[in-house]
Amino acid sequence: QVQLVESGGGLVQAGDSLRLSCAASGRTFRNYLMGWFRQAPGKEREFLARISWSGGNRYYADSVKGRFTISTDNAKNTVYLQMNSLKPEDTAVYYCAAVGAGYWGQGTQVTVSS
């Protein structure tokens, strides 16, 4: 079992930055790549970025490449998503997941006002 808890969402203005956190626990979470996804109202869930717990295997969706950075802190069992230059179209619920394993967090809302 893997438990994932996101935090760090909020209401910001266009151009601002936010850092999301995903705290992982359980016996097997280190077996998986970790990813960030988002889902905007009326849209399908969208992949954003993924990383291994060693910090390698980073990969980004084109929509966020250059603006978002995924990272890990193994001492804290936490995955981060640093989001810079936020745009109104980044408004969504953001989820972390153990990629391909079916484990998801509850999501954290990010709202970017223009």
Protein backbone atom coordinates (compact mmCIF):
# COMPACT_ATOMS: atom_id res chain seq x y z
CA GLN A 1 0.00 0.00 0.00
CA VAL A 2 1.05 3.56 -0.77
CA GLN A 3 -0.44 6.69 0.72
CA LEU A 4 0.04 10.07 -0.93
CA VAL A 5 -0.93 13.44 0.52
CA GLU A 6 -0.63 16.62 -1.51
CA SER A 7 -0.39 20.13 -0.11
CA GLY A 8 0.62 23.62 -1.16
CA GLY A 9 -2.19 24.62 -3.47
CA GLY A 10 -3.93 27.95 -3.27
CA LEU A 11 -5.08 31.10 -5.03
CA VAL A 12 -2.37 33.11 -6.76
CA GLN A 13 -2.09 35.73 -9.46
CA ALA A 14 -0.76 35.20 -12.97
CA GLY A 15 3.03 35.26 -12.96
CA ASP A 16 3.30 34.01 -9.37
CA SER A 17 4.95 30.81 -8.20
CA LEU A 18 3.77 27.91 -6.04
CA ARG A 19 5.42 24.78 -4.73
CA LEU A 20 3.30 21.69 -4.30
CA SER A 21 4.33 18.88 -1.99
CA CYS A 22 3.41 15.22 -2.01
CA ALA A 23 4.21 13.25 1.13
CA ALA A 24 4.49 9.52 0.51
CA SER A 25 4.21 6.68 2.97
CA GLY A 26 3.77 2.93 2.95
CA ARG A 27 5.97 -0.05 2.38
CA THR A 28 6.46 0.11 -1.35
CA PHE A 29 6.33 3.71 -2.53
CA ARG A 30 10.03 3.74 -3.40
CA ASN A 31 9.39 1.03 -5.97
CA TYR A 32 7.61 3.50 -8.25
CA LEU A 33 8.27 6.51 -10.36
CA MET A 34 6.37 9.47 -8.98
CA GLY A 35 4.35 11.83 -11.10
CA TRP A 36 2.29 14.99 -11.02
CA PHE A 37 -0.96 15.32 -12.94
CA ARG A 38 -3.72 17.89 -13.07
CA GLN A 39 -7.36 18.03 -14.02
CA ALA A 40 -9.15 21.21 -14.97
CA PRO A 41 -12.96 21.45 -14.91
CA GLY A 42 -14.48 19.67 -17.88
CA LYS A 43 -11.12 18.31 -19.04
CA GLU A 44 -9.34 14.99 -18.80
CA ARG A 45 -6.57 14.41 -16.30
CA GLU A 46 -3.27 15.62 -17.79
CA PHE A 47 0.23 14.29 -17.11
CA LEU A 48 2.73 16.99 -16.11
CA ALA A 49 5.99 15.46 -14.91
CA ARG A 50 7.57 12.37 -13.39
CA ILE A 51 10.72 11.44 -11.49
CA SER A 52 12.36 8.53 -9.73
CA TRP A 53 13.18 8.68 -6.05
CA SER A 54 16.86 8.90 -6.95
CA GLY A 55 16.12 12.15 -8.74
CA GLY A 56 16.67 10.74 -12.20
CA ASN A 57 14.25 9.79 -14.95
CA ARG A 58 12.77 13.27 -15.07
CA TYR A 59 10.32 13.91 -17.85
CA TYR A 60 7.98 16.83 -18.48
CA ALA A 61 4.96 17.46 -20.61
CA ASP A 62 5.53 20.11 -23.26
CA SER A 63 2.82 22.26 -21.67
CA VAL A 64 4.93 22.82 -18.52
CA LYS A 65 8.50 22.29 -19.69
CA GLY A 66 10.65 25.23 -18.62
CA ARG A 67 8.12 26.50 -16.08
CA PHE A 68 7.61 23.54 -13.73
CA THR A 69 10.30 21.53 -11.94
CA ILE A 70 9.80 18.17 -10.24
CA SER A 71 12.13 17.08 -7.45
CA THR A 72 12.37 14.71 -4.51
CA ASP A 73 13.54 14.88 -0.90
CA ASN A 74 14.28 11.32 0.17
CA ALA A 75 14.81 12.28 3.82
CA LYS A 76 11.25 13.63 3.90
CA ASN A 77 9.72 11.04 1.52
CA THR A 78 8.35 13.97 -0.40
CA VAL A 79 7.99 14.87 -4.07
CA TYR A 80 7.73 18.52 -5.05
CA LEU A 81 6.42 20.42 -8.04
CA GLN A 82 7.80 23.92 -8.30
CA MET A 83 5.55 25.96 -10.55
CA ASN A 84 6.74 29.30 -11.89
CA SER A 85 5.20 31.90 -14.19
CA LEU A 86 1.74 30.56 -13.49
CA LYS A 87 -1.03 31.27 -15.97
CA PRO A 88 -4.81 31.23 -15.59
CA GLU A 89 -4.89 28.09 -17.73
CA ASP A 90 -2.86 26.33 -15.03
CA THR A 91 -5.96 26.41 -12.82
CA ALA A 92 -6.80 22.82 -11.91
CA VAL A 93 -6.75 20.21 -9.18
CA TYR A 94 -3.22 18.85 -8.97
CA TYR A 95 -2.56 15.23 -8.06
CA CYS A 96 0.52 13.22 -7.34
CA ALA A 97 0.65 9.56 -8.15
CA ALA A 98 2.81 6.49 -8.08
CA VAL A 99 3.02 6.20 -11.85
CA GLY A 100 1.30 3.17 -13.26
CA ALA A 101 0.58 1.71 -9.84
CA GLY A 102 -2.87 3.11 -9.27
CA TYR A 103 -2.01 5.11 -6.17
CA TRP A 104 -3.21 8.72 -6.15
CA GLY A 105 -3.37 11.51 -3.65
CA GLN A 106 -6.56 13.39 -2.89
CA GLY A 107 -5.51 16.43 -4.92
CA THR A 108 -4.84 20.06 -4.13
CA GLN A 109 -6.57 22.99 -5.84
CA VAL A 110 -4.52 25.58 -7.67
CA THR A 111 -6.32 28.67 -8.90
CA VAL A 112 -4.52 31.33 -10.94
CA SER A 113 -6.29 34.64 -11.39
CA SER A 114 -5.59 36.98 -14.29
